[in-house]
Protein backbone atom coordinates (compact mmCIF):
# COMPACT_ATOMS: atom_id res chain seq x y z
CA UNK A 1 0.19 0.05 -0.37
CA UNK A 2 1.36 3.10 -0.97
CA UNK A 3 1.86 5.87 1.73
CA UNK A 4 -0.85 8.72 2.33
CA UNK A 5 0.29 12.11 2.21
CA UNK A 6 -0.61 15.43 3.09
CA UNK A 7 0.85 18.51 0.69
CA UNK A 8 0.50 22.60 1.65
CA UNK A 9 2.19 25.76 0.29
CA UNK A 10 4.10 28.74 1.54
CA UNK A 11 4.45 31.05 -0.70
CA UNK A 12 7.65 33.33 -1.19
CA UNK A 13 7.98 36.87 -2.09
CA UNK A 14 10.62 39.84 -0.99
CA UNK A 15 9.86 42.33 1.57
CA UNK A 16 11.39 45.34 4.12
CA UNK A 17 10.56 46.81 7.11
CA UNK A 18 11.71 48.34 10.78
CA UNK A 19 12.39 45.15 13.06
CA UNK A 20 11.33 45.44 17.03
CA UNK A 21 11.48 42.25 19.17
CA UNK A 22 7.90 40.00 19.74
CA UNK A 23 7.12 37.03 22.05
CA UNK A 24 3.44 35.63 21.27
CA UNK A 25 1.67 31.84 20.94
CA UNK A 26 2.74 29.95 18.00
CA UNK A 27 0.01 28.05 15.56
CA UNK A 28 3.06 26.77 13.54
CA UNK A 29 6.47 25.99 14.63
CA UNK A 30 8.76 25.90 11.65
CA UNK A 31 12.47 24.24 12.61
CA UNK A 32 15.67 24.08 10.26
CA UNK A 33 19.19 25.07 8.72
CA UNK A 34 19.78 28.61 7.47
CA UNK A 35 22.77 27.91 4.65
CA UNK A 36 25.07 29.67 2.05
CA UNK A 37 22.97 29.78 -1.00
CA UNK A 38 26.27 28.91 -3.03
CA UNK A 39 28.16 27.20 -0.37
CA UNK A 40 25.66 25.33 1.31
CA UNK A 41 27.60 26.45 4.84
CA UNK A 42 25.26 26.58 7.54
CA UNK A 43 24.98 30.58 8.39
CA UNK A 44 24.78 31.95 12.40
CA UNK A 45 23.56 35.39 13.24
CA UNK A 46 20.40 35.16 10.69
CA UNK A 47 17.84 37.17 12.07
CA UNK A 48 14.14 35.72 11.57
CA UNK A 49 11.36 38.67 12.17
CA UNK A 50 7.56 38.07 11.33
CA UNK A 51 5.24 40.72 9.84
CA UNK A 52 1.69 41.31 12.05
CA UNK A 53 -0.75 44.43 10.81
CA UNK A 54 1.76 46.76 9.32
CA UNK A 55 4.69 45.38 11.61
CA UNK A 56 8.13 43.62 11.08
CA UNK A 57 8.91 42.25 14.62
CA UNK A 58 12.13 40.24 15.69
CA UNK A 59 11.42 36.47 16.72
CA UNK A 60 14.60 34.74 16.55
CA UNK A 61 18.52 34.28 15.44
CA UNK A 62 20.08 31.20 13.72
CA UNK A 63 22.38 29.98 15.89
CA UNK A 64 26.16 28.84 15.57
CA UNK A 65 25.48 25.63 14.06
CA UNK A 66 23.28 27.93 11.34
CA UNK A 67 19.80 26.35 13.21
CA UNK A 68 16.76 28.11 13.93
CA UNK A 69 13.05 27.46 15.59
CA UNK A 70 10.66 29.92 14.97
CA UNK A 71 7.05 30.03 16.91
CA UNK A 72 5.02 31.54 14.21
CA UNK A 73 1.97 33.69 15.74
CA UNK A 74 -1.63 32.87 14.87
CA UNK A 75 -1.91 36.32 13.35
CA UNK A 76 1.07 36.58 11.22
CA UNK A 77 1.44 37.03 7.29
CA UNK A 78 5.27 36.83 6.61
CA UNK A 79 8.69 35.49 8.18
CA UNK A 80 11.32 37.57 6.50
CA UNK A 81 15.24 36.75 7.29
CA UNK A 82 17.89 38.66 7.19
CA UNK A 83 21.62 38.42 7.66
CA UNK A 84 23.95 41.14 7.22
CA UNK A 85 26.14 40.48 3.46
CA UNK A 86 23.79 38.54 1.94
CA UNK A 87 19.86 39.38 0.69
CA UNK A 88 16.66 39.19 2.47
CA UNK A 89 14.59 35.62 1.80
CA UNK A 90 10.72 36.31 3.02
CA UNK A 91 8.03 33.30 3.19
CA UNK A 92 4.48 34.68 3.09
CA UNK A 93 2.52 32.29 4.74
CA UNK A 94 -1.62 31.50 3.45
CA UNK A 95 -4.45 29.54 5.17
CA UNK A 96 -2.26 28.51 8.06
CA UNK A 97 -4.53 26.11 10.02
CA UNK A 98 -4.76 27.61 13.75
CA UNK A 99 -3.49 24.03 15.24
CA UNK A 100 0.07 23.65 16.11
CA UNK A 101 1.95 22.00 13.26
CA UNK A 102 5.76 21.66 12.47
CA UNK A 103 7.85 22.24 9.24
CA UNK A 104 11.61 22.04 9.19
CA UNK A 105 13.69 22.40 6.24
CA UNK A 106 16.52 24.14 5.07
CA UNK A 107 16.68 28.48 3.83
CA UNK A 108 19.16 29.30 1.53
CA UNK A 109 20.41 33.34 1.51
CA UNK A 110 22.34 34.54 -0.84
CA UNK A 111 25.57 36.63 -0.70
CA UNK A 112 25.60 40.69 -1.82
CA UNK A 113 28.17 42.06 -4.32
CA UNK A 114 30.58 44.29 -2.41
CA UNK A 115 31.11 48.06 -3.83
CA UNK A 116 34.05 48.60 -5.82
CA UNK A 117 35.05 50.44 -8.76
CA UNK A 118 33.86 49.39 -12.46
CA UNK A 119 32.13 46.40 -11.07
CA UNK A 120 28.56 45.95 -10.72
CA UNK A 121 27.07 45.70 -6.95
CA UNK A 122 23.94 45.64 -4.92
CA UNK A 123 22.53 49.30 -4.02
CA UNK A 124 22.14 47.65 -0.37
CA UNK A 125 25.97 48.17 -0.36
CA UNK A 126 26.24 51.72 -1.47
CA UNK A 127 28.47 53.92 0.74
CA UNK A 128 29.25 57.38 0.67
CA UNK A 129 30.84 58.37 -2.43
CA UNK A 130 32.40 61.38 -4.55
CA UNK A 131 33.30 60.93 -8.04
CA UNK A 132 36.31 62.85 -8.53
CA UNK A 133 35.86 65.69 -11.86
CA UNK A 134 38.46 64.85 -14.38
CA UNK A 135 36.42 66.94 -17.25
CA UNK A 136 40.79 68.29 -18.17
CA UNK A 137 41.47 64.86 -19.37
CA UNK A 138 40.87 65.15 -22.81
CA UNK A 139 42.33 61.63 -23.93
CA UNK A 140 40.33 59.85 -21.34
CA UNK A 141 36.62 61.56 -22.28
CA UNK A 142 37.17 60.29 -25.38
CA UNK A 143 37.88 56.61 -24.65
CA UNK A 144 35.26 54.18 -23.06
CA UNK A 145 35.05 51.42 -21.09
CA UNK A 146 33.20 47.85 -22.71
CA UNK A 147 31.18 46.61 -20.32
CA UNK A 148 29.87 42.88 -21.01
CA UNK A 149 27.09 41.43 -18.46
CA UNK A 150 26.20 38.00 -17.78
CA UNK A 151 22.84 37.20 -16.05
CA UNK A 152 22.50 34.31 -14.05
CA UNK A 153 20.40 32.04 -12.16
CA UNK A 154 21.96 32.17 -8.33
CA UNK A 155 21.20 29.04 -7.43
CA UNK A 156 21.34 27.19 -11.02
CA UNK A 157 24.77 29.22 -12.20
CA UNK A 158 23.20 28.89 -16.03
CA UNK A 159 22.39 31.90 -18.20
CA UNK A 160 19.29 33.58 -17.98
CA UNK A 161 17.07 35.69 -20.71
CA UNK A 162 16.60 39.44 -18.63
CA UNK A 163 15.78 43.02 -19.56
CA UNK A 164 18.51 45.23 -18.22
CA UNK A 165 18.21 48.98 -17.59
CA UNK A 166 20.80 51.51 -17.12
CA UNK A 167 20.03 54.94 -15.16
CA UNK A 168 22.95 57.60 -15.50
CA UNK A 169 23.36 59.58 -13.05
CA UNK A 170 25.24 62.89 -15.18
CA UNK A 171 21.76 63.16 -17.61
CA UNK A 172 19.52 61.38 -15.65
CA UNK A 173 18.89 59.09 -18.81
CA UNK A 174 17.62 55.69 -18.55
CA UNK A 175 18.15 53.06 -21.12
CA UNK A 176 16.44 49.66 -21.03
CA UNK A 177 17.55 46.69 -23.18
CA UNK A 178 17.31 43.18 -23.87
CA UNK A 179 20.06 40.46 -23.23
CA UNK A 180 20.56 37.75 -25.93
CA UNK A 181 18.97 34.15 -25.05
CA UNK A 182 22.03 33.29 -23.33
CA UNK A 183 22.22 36.65 -21.09
CA UNK A 184 25.07 38.20 -22.27
CA UNK A 185 24.55 42.08 -22.91
CA UNK A 186 27.58 44.40 -24.26
CA UNK A 187 27.71 48.03 -23.81
CA UNK A 188 29.77 50.33 -23.84
CA UNK A 189 30.43 53.63 -21.22
CA UNK A 190 31.85 57.08 -22.36
CA UNK A 191 31.54 58.61 -19.36
CA UNK A 192 32.73 58.73 -15.68
CA UNK A 193 29.26 58.28 -13.90
CA UNK A 194 27.33 56.47 -11.11
CA UNK A 195 25.06 54.18 -13.16
CA UNK A 196 22.23 52.29 -11.61
CA UNK A 197 21.72 49.01 -12.89
CA UNK A 198 18.51 47.50 -12.95
CA UNK A 199 17.94 43.85 -13.79
CA UNK A 200 14.54 41.83 -14.04
CA UNK A 201 12.96 38.48 -15.42
CA UNK A 202 10.12 36.63 -15.01
CA UNK A 203 10.00 34.31 -11.55
CA UNK A 204 12.86 36.29 -10.06
CA UNK A 205 13.67 39.05 -7.70
CA UNK A 206 14.24 42.38 -8.81
CA UNK A 207 17.94 43.18 -9.05
CA UNK A 208 19.00 46.66 -8.50
CA UNK A 209 22.53 47.72 -8.36
CA UNK A 210 25.17 50.27 -8.87
CA UNK A 211 28.06 50.44 -11.03
CA UNK A 212 31.12 53.16 -10.60
CA UNK A 213 32.67 53.81 -13.85
CA UNK A 214 36.13 55.35 -13.30
CA UNK A 215 38.10 53.81 -16.22
CA UNK A 216 38.03 54.87 -19.68
CA UNK A 217 41.15 53.35 -21.34
CA UNK A 218 39.27 50.85 -23.41
CA UNK A 219 39.35 48.16 -21.05
CA UNK A 220 36.99 45.18 -21.27
CA UNK A 221 35.22 44.23 -17.30
CA UNK A 222 32.48 41.61 -17.13
CA UNK A 223 29.64 42.03 -15.31
CA UNK A 224 28.23 38.86 -13.82
CA UNK A 225 24.92 39.88 -12.15
CA UNK A 226 22.99 36.83 -10.54
CA UNK A 227 19.30 36.96 -10.02
CA UNK A 228 17.55 35.12 -7.04
CA UNK A 229 14.62 33.43 -8.33
CA UNK A 230 11.85 32.81 -6.29
CA UNK A 231 12.01 30.16 -4.05
CA UNK A 232 10.53 26.69 -4.46
CA UNK A 233 10.95 24.28 -1.40
CA UNK A 234 9.76 20.48 -0.72
CA UNK A 235 9.94 19.58 3.04
CA UNK A 236 8.82 16.03 3.77
CA UNK A 237 8.44 14.19 7.21
CA UNK A 238 8.89 10.65 6.55
CA UNK A 239 10.68 7.38 7.43
CA UNK A 240 14.29 7.96 8.72
CA UNK A 241 16.71 5.72 6.54
CA UNK A 242 14.42 5.89 2.92
CA UNK A 243 15.72 7.89 0.55
CA UNK A 244 13.70 10.41 -1.55
CA UNK A 245 14.44 11.85 -4.77
CA UNK A 246 11.84 14.49 -6.75
CA UNK A 247 12.52 13.08 -10.75
CA UNK A 248 11.41 14.45 -14.03
CA UNK A 249 12.61 13.00 -17.53
CA UNK A 250 15.51 14.71 -17.66
CA UNK A 251 16.43 15.09 -13.71
CA UNK A 252 16.65 13.77 -10.66
CA UNK A 253 16.71 16.04 -7.62
CA UNK A 254 17.76 14.33 -4.03
CA UNK A 255 16.08 15.39 -1.03
CA UNK A 256 18.56 15.47 2.00
CA UNK A 257 18.13 15.34 5.91
CA UNK A 258 17.64 18.58 7.45
CA UNK A 259 20.29 18.89 9.97
CA UNK A 260 18.89 18.28 13.78
CA UNK A 261 15.38 17.22 12.77
CA UNK A 262 14.64 13.88 12.44
CA UNK A 263 12.28 12.22 9.60
CA UNK A 264 12.41 15.73 8.04
CA UNK A 265 14.16 16.18 4.57
CA UNK A 266 13.71 19.15 2.40
CA UNK A 267 15.65 20.68 -1.23
CA UNK A 268 15.55 24.32 -2.34
CA UNK A 269 16.89 23.41 -6.04
CA UNK A 270 13.76 22.93 -7.76
CA UNK A 271 11.33 24.82 -10.17
CA UNK A 272 7.74 24.96 -9.80
CA UNK A 273 6.17 21.98 -11.58
CA UNK A 274 4.95 18.47 -11.88
CA UNK A 275 7.46 16.06 -10.56
CA UNK A 276 7.29 12.05 -9.89
CA UNK A 277 8.70 11.47 -5.64
CA UNK A 278 10.21 8.61 -5.55
CA UNK A 279 10.61 6.55 -2.21
CA UNK A 280 13.38 4.08 -1.65
CA UNK A 281 12.92 2.10 1.15
CA UNK A 282 13.36 -2.03 2.13
CA UNK A 283 14.75 -2.58 -1.57
CA UNK A 284 11.33 -1.36 -2.73
CA UNK A 285 10.35 2.01 -4.48
CA UNK A 286 7.27 3.68 -4.46
CA UNK A 287 6.41 6.63 -7.08
CA UNK A 288 3.91 9.22 -6.18
CA UNK A 289 3.17 12.57 -8.26
CA UNK A 290 3.29 16.03 -6.66
CA UNK A 291 2.88 19.45 -7.85
CA UNK A 292 4.77 22.05 -6.23
CA UNK A 293 4.05 25.85 -6.53
CA UNK A 294 6.50 28.72 -5.37
CA UNK A 295 7.38 28.70 -1.95
CA UNK A 296 7.47 26.16 0.92
CA UNK A 297 5.96 22.97 0.14
CA UNK A 298 5.51 20.57 2.54
CA UNK A 299 4.36 16.65 2.62
CA UNK A 300 3.64 14.53 5.39
CA UNK A 301 4.05 10.53 5.06
CA UNK A 302 3.65 8.01 7.57
CA UNK A 303 6.29 7.11 9.18
CA UNK A 304 6.31 3.40 9.76
CA UNK A 305 8.42 1.21 8.03
CA UNK A 306 7.27 -0.58 5.18
CA UNK A 307 7.47 -4.15 4.64
CA UNK A 308 9.51 -5.05 1.51
CA UNK A 309 7.15 -6.12 -1.67
CA UNK A 310 6.96 -9.86 -1.52
CA UNK A 311 8.21 -12.21 -4.62
CA UNK A 312 5.58 -14.78 -5.21
CA UNK A 313 2.83 -14.27 -2.45
CA UNK A 314 -0.33 -12.68 -2.71
CA UNK A 315 -1.08 -9.50 -0.30
CA UNK A 316 -3.41 -10.17 2.34
CA UNK A 317 -5.12 -7.42 1.87
CA UNK A 318 -6.34 -5.29 -1.69
CA UNK A 319 -3.44 -3.13 -3.21
CA UNK A 320 -5.16 0.61 -2.82
CA UNK A 321 -5.39 2.13 -5.82
CA UNK A 322 -5.18 6.14 -5.97
CA UNK A 323 -5.00 8.19 -8.86
CA UNK A 324 -1.53 9.80 -8.22
CA UNK A 325 -0.36 6.74 -6.44
CA UNK A 326 0.22 3.41 -8.32
CA UNK A 327 2.69 0.59 -7.18
CA UNK A 328 5.68 -0.32 -9.38
CA UNK A 329 5.48 -3.35 -11.35
CA UNK A 330 8.80 -5.25 -10.90
CA UNK A 331 10.58 -7.75 -13.24
CA UNK A 332 13.37 -10.30 -12.99
CA UNK A 333 16.56 -9.42 -14.97
CA UNK A 334 16.20 -9.93 -18.73
CA UNK A 335 12.48 -11.06 -17.92
CA UNK A 336 8.54 -9.46 -18.77
CA UNK A 337 6.92 -12.20 -17.22
CA UNK A 338 4.42 -10.65 -14.34
CA UNK A 339 5.30 -11.83 -11.28
CA UNK A 340 2.45 -12.98 -9.28
CA UNK A 341 2.42 -9.90 -6.61
CA UNK A 342 2.24 -7.54 -9.52
CA UNK A 343 -0.75 -9.48 -11.06
CA UNK A 344 -2.72 -8.83 -8.04
CA UNK A 345 -1.90 -4.92 -8.33
CA UNK A 346 -2.77 -4.82 -12.49
CA UNK A 347 -6.58 -6.49 -10.64
CA UNK A 348 -6.76 -3.66 -8.92
CA UNK A 349 -5.76 -1.56 -11.04
CA UNK A 350 -8.52 -2.63 -13.64
CA UNK A 351 -10.83 -2.63 -10.89
CA UNK A 352 -10.22 1.06 -10.57
CA UNK A 353 -10.39 1.73 -14.02
CA UNK A 354 -13.58 -0.18 -14.34
CA UNK A 355 -15.13 1.97 -11.88
CA UNK A 356 -13.49 5.57 -12.84
CA UNK A 357 -14.26 5.73 -16.70
CA UNK A 358 -12.79 9.04 -16.98
CA UNK A 359 -8.79 7.88 -16.63
CA UNK A 360 -6.69 6.22 -18.85
CA UNK A 361 -3.72 4.19 -18.28
CA UNK A 362 -0.08 5.06 -19.26
CA UNK A 363 2.44 2.41 -19.10
CA UNK A 364 5.61 2.74 -19.45
CA UNK A 365 8.69 0.64 -19.44
CA UNK A 366 11.92 0.54 -17.66
CA UNK A 367 14.75 -1.60 -17.82
CA UNK A 368 18.32 -1.77 -15.93
CA UNK A 369 21.65 -0.35 -17.91
CA UNK A 370 22.83 -3.92 -18.01
CA UNK A 371 23.84 -5.31 -21.59
CA UNK A 372 22.96 -3.54 -25.23
CA UNK A 373 20.67 -0.47 -25.10
CA UNK A 374 18.84 -1.35 -28.16
CA UNK A 375 17.96 -4.67 -26.78
CA UNK A 376 16.87 -3.05 -23.36
CA UNK A 377 14.35 -0.87 -25.25
CA UNK A 378 12.97 -4.02 -27.03
CA UNK A 379 12.89 -5.36 -23.48
CA UNK A 380 11.34 -2.62 -22.19
CA UNK A 381 8.59 -2.25 -24.54
CA UNK A 382 7.65 -6.11 -23.83
CA UNK A 383 7.44 -5.23 -20.39
CA UNK A 384 5.01 -2.72 -20.86
CA UNK A 385 2.63 -4.77 -23.24
CA UNK A 386 2.70 -7.89 -21.46
CA UNK A 387 1.21 -5.52 -18.98
CA UNK A 388 -1.07 -4.06 -21.34
CA UNK A 389 -2.41 -7.36 -22.09
CA UNK A 390 -3.09 -8.52 -18.96
CA UNK A 391 -5.52 -5.45 -18.27
CA UNK A 392 -6.79 -6.41 -21.29
CA UNK A 393 -7.48 -9.70 -20.30
CA UNK A 394 -9.30 -7.53 -16.93
CA UNK A 395 -11.52 -6.18 -19.60
CA UNK A 396 -10.13 -3.03 -20.06
CA UNK A 397 -9.78 -1.97 -23.47
CA UNK A 398 -6.73 -1.41 -25.20
CA UNK A 399 -7.77 1.74 -25.90
CA UNK A 400 -7.45 3.21 -23.01
CA UNK A 401 -3.71 2.02 -22.37
CA UNK A 402 -1.34 3.66 -23.84
CA UNK A 403 2.57 1.77 -23.76
CA UNK A 404 5.39 3.21 -24.24
CA UNK A 405 9.30 1.30 -23.67
CA UNK A 406 12.30 3.49 -23.09
CA UNK A 407 14.95 1.10 -21.77
CA UNK A 408 16.99 2.36 -19.21
CA UNK A 409 17.20 5.74 -20.44
CA UNK A 410 15.08 6.86 -16.99
CA UNK A 411 16.53 4.91 -13.86
CA UNK A 412 15.29 6.26 -10.47
CA UNK A 413 18.17 4.21 -8.51
CA UNK A 414 22.07 4.27 -9.15
CA UNK A 415 23.05 0.86 -11.03
CA UNK A 416 25.71 0.36 -8.87
CA UNK A 417 24.12 -2.41 -7.16
CA UNK A 418 21.86 -5.47 -8.20
CA UNK A 419 19.72 -4.17 -5.33
CA UNK A 420 19.14 -0.91 -6.87
CA UNK A 421 19.37 -2.58 -10.29
CA UNK A 422 16.51 -4.67 -9.26
CA UNK A 423 14.77 -0.94 -8.75
CA UNK A 424 15.18 0.06 -12.21
CA UNK A 425 13.78 -3.46 -13.53
CA UNK A 426 10.02 -2.42 -13.26
CA UNK A 427 6.61 -0.72 -15.84
CA UNK A 428 5.67 2.37 -13.84
CA UNK A 429 1.92 3.04 -14.40
CA UNK A 430 0.10 6.58 -13.88
CA UNK A 431 -3.43 7.72 -14.39
CA UNK A 432 -4.17 10.35 -16.54
CA UNK A 433 -7.59 11.87 -17.91
CA UNK A 434 -9.30 11.06 -20.72
CA UNK A 435 -9.25 14.34 -22.85
């Protein structure tokens, strides 16, 4: 039986107001660790603030291990995290249940850029600065500085197409343009000036920085600007010792245990979208579809240890079939013969399909990476076909079954041990709504 779960979302956005200290009763307890966005090193001295009405009040500070425990008042709307030398991070709380609850996760903070000549830096790091008048230097005024801007995703270090605006102090002129698809933009500066730089992209926090143009000697200066996207965090409370992953067709994200928080796992590397949550424990794997939104997504799973899937004995009770979570169908090496336990699962799937005519079933065959990939693809197609054939014998129209074989292209476990390889020799089932 697959574990039932609850999922909730807390959304993220930016905010800044004056802080005060507050002590109050809480409806939600947030625990975890504050880490550096780039290095994942724990950060001491990160201050937590809670927004109530129009005020922002301090409630706690991360300790020497970067850990925090924040009681959130029932009437609170926003949590903000600030640390000197880092960009602020905010969490907006929506539809908070009034009963006590606990969520544990890691919060990443992004370091700011420090002020220096001829390099872009955040406006929050601006110090008092007076630019000297070198108007008598006729040679320099005819020269220029060649700026090369590279806009990247701060977390993934990947190029990002964005809109960039330059506001010149001397003439109050504002010029805006877009980067190329690779986040690159070249521009020449022909006057010594203090230039404001604004960078924006969909689903990212706006960057507002300054650029001190001092050297007009024909030099080329590269300006990497990292944008902080609106975070999508997943936190899971579940079995200790199990492995949890989020998977798409092309990438897998591992959830790591939250330091100091038993049975809590999290990741902040994902984007909003639909993922397969893969749970590996006791030599078996289950998969269920989850929809993640921008913000703090949390899932609670039962903490009892699941039993290993038997190979030849039918389960004593019927398998529970849910449209968002179906058991895997496993196979022996180089085989496409259905095991007895798999037949029992497919009988329950067939019963569900008969009583829920609005659903089709997508049948995906997979193999481990042993042997020739062409033969593996054939084997995966045979595995998908034998599952579809069994379902049709149970009275399900073949037109409601969509089958495909992927070979070893999409493993859910490393092919490094026999136990892990056995998890990849599978057929996965997904119920999809008929169009």
